[in-house]
Amino acid sequence: MGASFRSKHEQNYAQNKDQDDTRDPATHLKADEDIAHYLEAVLEDGDPNLVAAALGDVARAKGMSQIAQAAGLGRESLDKALSTEGNPEFATVLKVIRALGLKLKVVV
């Protein structure tokens, strides 16, 4: 699931947003296990923009306003930071991870 897939997916979603919300990954991220698998796959890809956008997908699935408030950030700025065009600071990423109830884990 590389960046080109993500870009094409977002373009298709933007074009068909009013017609079909099933193209938005956030609509498929209901169970914690699904969220974990999704983020693991994105982290394996290693693209920082894709990681930020995936966190945005998860935040939308959980409620962007609620996550922004829990992270101590503005909803609009968080939404922008967690898009494929965004470039969030690492501190922002950590705040969002905590607000989502997730933890980073190092495995050797």
C-alpha atoms as a PDB file:
ATOM      1  CA  MET A   1       0.000   0.000   0.000  1.00  0.00           C
ATOM      2  CA  GLY A   2       2.387   2.673  -1.230  1.00  0.00           C
ATOM      3  CA  ALA A   3       1.990   6.401  -1.587  1.00  0.00           C
ATOM      4  CA  SER A   4       0.856   6.102  -5.199  1.00  0.00           C
ATOM      5  CA  PHE A   5      -1.993   3.831  -4.087  1.00  0.00           C
ATOM      6  CA  ARG A   6      -2.908   6.333  -1.400  1.00  0.00           C
ATOM      7  CA  SER A   7      -2.836   9.295  -3.800  1.00  0.00           C
ATOM      8  CA  LYS A   8      -5.002   7.514  -6.362  1.00  0.00           C
ATOM      9  CA  HIS A   9      -7.342   6.381  -3.599  1.00  0.00           C
ATOM     10  CA  GLU A  10      -7.721   9.922  -2.257  1.00  0.00           C
ATOM     11  CA  GLN A  11      -8.280  11.345  -5.749  1.00  0.00           C
ATOM     12  CA  ASN A  12     -11.007   8.785  -6.385  1.00  0.00           C
ATOM     13  CA  TYR A  13     -12.512   9.470  -2.982  1.00  0.00           C
ATOM     14  CA  ALA A  14     -12.516  13.239  -3.537  1.00  0.00           C
ATOM     15  CA  GLN A  15     -14.193  12.829  -6.926  1.00  0.00           C
ATOM     16  CA  ASN A  16     -16.836  10.438  -5.612  1.00  0.00           C
ATOM     17  CA  LYS A  17     -17.193  11.730  -2.048  1.00  0.00           C
ATOM     18  CA  ASP A  18     -20.855  12.629  -2.401  1.00  0.00           C
ATOM     19  CA  GLN A  19     -21.660   9.413  -4.237  1.00  0.00           C
ATOM     20  CA  ASP A  20     -19.954   6.736  -2.160  1.00  0.00           C
ATOM     21  CA  ASP A  21     -18.340   7.068   1.281  1.00  0.00           C
ATOM     22  CA  THR A  22     -17.193   3.427   1.193  1.00  0.00           C
ATOM     23  CA  ARG A  23     -14.013   4.602  -0.538  1.00  0.00           C
ATOM     24  CA  ASP A  24     -12.905   6.418   2.615  1.00  0.00           C
ATOM     25  CA  PRO A  25     -10.676   4.088   4.687  1.00  0.00           C
ATOM     26  CA  ALA A  26     -12.131   5.584   7.878  1.00  0.00           C
ATOM     27  CA  THR A  27     -15.489   3.927   7.143  1.00  0.00           C
ATOM     28  CA  HIS A  28     -13.816   0.514   7.378  1.00  0.00           C
ATOM     29  CA  LEU A  29     -11.864   1.133  10.593  1.00  0.00           C
ATOM     30  CA  LYS A  30     -14.361   0.191  13.266  1.00  0.00           C
ATOM     31  CA  ALA A  31     -12.674  -2.571  15.278  1.00  0.00           C
ATOM     32  CA  ASP A  32      -9.439  -1.948  17.183  1.00  0.00           C
ATOM     33  CA  GLU A  33      -7.931  -5.001  15.481  1.00  0.00           C
ATOM     34  CA  ASP A  34      -8.661  -3.526  12.030  1.00  0.00           C
ATOM     35  CA  ILE A  35      -7.042  -0.254  13.066  1.00  0.00           C
ATOM     36  CA  ALA A  36      -3.970  -2.072  14.367  1.00  0.00           C
ATOM     37  CA  HIS A  37      -3.557  -4.086  11.155  1.00  0.00           C
ATOM     38  CA  TYR A  38      -4.038  -0.969   9.029  1.00  0.00           C
ATOM     39  CA  LEU A  39      -1.417   1.029  10.936  1.00  0.00           C
ATOM     40  CA  GLU A  40       1.028  -1.895  10.997  1.00  0.00           C
ATOM     41  CA  ALA A  41       0.810  -2.200   7.207  1.00  0.00           C
ATOM     42  CA  VAL A  42       1.326   1.535   6.744  1.00  0.00           C
ATOM     43  CA  LEU A  43       4.271   1.615   9.150  1.00  0.00           C
ATOM     44  CA  GLU A  44       5.900  -1.265   7.269  1.00  0.00           C
ATOM     45  CA  ASP A  45       5.673   0.814   4.083  1.00  0.00           C
ATOM     46  CA  GLY A  46       7.807   3.460   5.810  1.00  0.00           C
ATOM     47  CA  ASP A  47       6.405   6.515   4.015  1.00  0.00           C
ATOM     48  CA  PRO A  48       5.983   9.295   6.628  1.00  0.00           C
ATOM     49  CA  ASN A  49       3.253  11.039   4.611  1.00  0.00           C
ATOM     50  CA  LEU A  50       1.347   7.785   4.382  1.00  0.00           C
ATOM     51  CA  VAL A  51       1.713   7.222   8.139  1.00  0.00           C
ATOM     52  CA  ALA A  52       0.347  10.702   8.858  1.00  0.00           C
ATOM     53  CA  ALA A  53      -2.563  10.195   6.465  1.00  0.00           C
ATOM     54  CA  ALA A  54      -3.339   6.783   7.981  1.00  0.00           C
ATOM     55  CA  LEU A  55      -3.425   8.356  11.454  1.00  0.00           C
ATOM     56  CA  GLY A  56      -5.849  10.856   9.950  1.00  0.00           C
ATOM     57  CA  ASP A  57      -8.011   7.994   8.687  1.00  0.00           C
ATOM     58  CA  VAL A  58      -8.054   6.462  12.151  1.00  0.00           C
ATOM     59  CA  ALA A  59      -8.778   9.831  13.779  1.00  0.00           C
ATOM     60  CA  ARG A  60     -11.733  10.341  11.416  1.00  0.00           C
ATOM     61  CA  ALA A  61     -12.962   6.841  12.222  1.00  0.00           C
ATOM     62  CA  LYS A  62     -12.833   7.628  15.946  1.00  0.00           C
ATOM     63  CA  GLY A  63     -14.088  11.221  15.573  1.00  0.00           C
ATOM     64  CA  MET A  64     -11.630  13.922  14.490  1.00  0.00           C
ATOM     65  CA  SER A  65     -13.051  16.563  16.863  1.00  0.00           C
ATOM     66  CA  GLN A  66     -12.822  14.218  19.852  1.00  0.00           C
ATOM     67  CA  ILE A  67      -9.251  13.171  18.987  1.00  0.00           C
ATOM     68  CA  ALA A  68      -8.183  16.778  18.405  1.00  0.00           C
ATOM     69  CA  GLN A  69      -9.600  17.811  21.772  1.00  0.00           C
ATOM     70  CA  ALA A  70      -7.942  14.869  23.564  1.00  0.00           C
ATOM     71  CA  ALA A  71      -4.637  15.733  21.884  1.00  0.00           C
ATOM     72  CA  GLY A  72      -4.966  19.415  22.764  1.00  0.00           C
ATOM     73  CA  LEU A  73      -5.026  20.474  19.112  1.00  0.00           C
ATOM     74  CA  GLY A  74      -7.417  22.321  16.822  1.00  0.00           C
ATOM     75  CA  ARG A  75      -9.611  20.075  14.667  1.00  0.00           C
ATOM     76  CA  GLU A  76      -8.952  21.876  11.384  1.00  0.00           C
ATOM     77  CA  SER A  77      -5.195  22.071  11.913  1.00  0.00           C
ATOM     78  CA  LEU A  78      -5.093  18.394  12.909  1.00  0.00           C
ATOM     79  CA  ASP A  79      -7.131  17.404   9.863  1.00  0.00           C
ATOM     80  CA  LYS A  80      -4.695  19.320   7.638  1.00  0.00           C
ATOM     81  CA  ALA A  81      -1.611  17.918   9.388  1.00  0.00           C
ATOM     82  CA  LEU A  82      -2.866  14.349   9.019  1.00  0.00           C
ATOM     83  CA  SER A  83      -3.504  14.552   5.288  1.00  0.00           C
ATOM     84  CA  THR A  84      -1.169  13.336   2.547  1.00  0.00           C
ATOM     85  CA  GLU A  85      -0.112  16.962   2.031  1.00  0.00           C
ATOM     86  CA  GLY A  86       0.434  17.524   5.742  1.00  0.00           C
ATOM     87  CA  ASN A  87       3.762  17.408   7.503  1.00  0.00           C
ATOM     88  CA  PRO A  88       2.993  17.043  11.218  1.00  0.00           C
ATOM     89  CA  GLU A  89       5.669  17.474  13.840  1.00  0.00           C
ATOM     90  CA  PHE A  90       6.638  14.290  15.639  1.00  0.00           C
ATOM     91  CA  ALA A  91       5.182  15.750  18.840  1.00  0.00           C
ATOM     92  CA  THR A  92       1.823  16.049  17.068  1.00  0.00           C
ATOM     93  CA  VAL A  93       2.018  12.446  15.906  1.00  0.00           C
ATOM     94  CA  LEU A  94       2.740  11.300  19.471  1.00  0.00           C
ATOM     95  CA  LYS A  95      -0.169  13.355  20.851  1.00  0.00           C
ATOM     96  CA  VAL A  96      -2.524  11.809  18.299  1.00  0.00           C
ATOM     97  CA  ILE A  97      -1.270   8.295  19.042  1.00  0.00           C
ATOM     98  CA  ARG A  98      -1.931   8.860  22.748  1.00  0.00           C
ATOM     99  CA  ALA A  99      -5.340  10.423  22.069  1.00  0.00           C
ATOM    100  CA  LEU A 100      -6.267   7.373  19.995  1.00  0.00           C
ATOM    101  CA  GLY A 101      -5.346   5.138  22.929  1.00  0.00           C
ATOM    102  CA  LEU A 102      -2.459   3.590  20.995  1.00  0.00           C
ATOM    103  CA  LYS A 103       1.133   2.923  22.012  1.00  0.00           C
ATOM    104  CA  LEU A 104       4.320   2.735  20.005  1.00  0.00           C
ATOM    105  CA  LYS A 105       6.290  -0.425  20.633  1.00  0.00           C
ATOM    106  CA  VAL A 106       9.812  -1.316  19.577  1.00  0.00           C
ATOM    107  CA  VAL A 107      10.334  -4.943  18.621  1.00  0.00           C
ATOM    108  CA  VAL A 108      13.742  -6.444  17.967  1.00  0.00           C
END
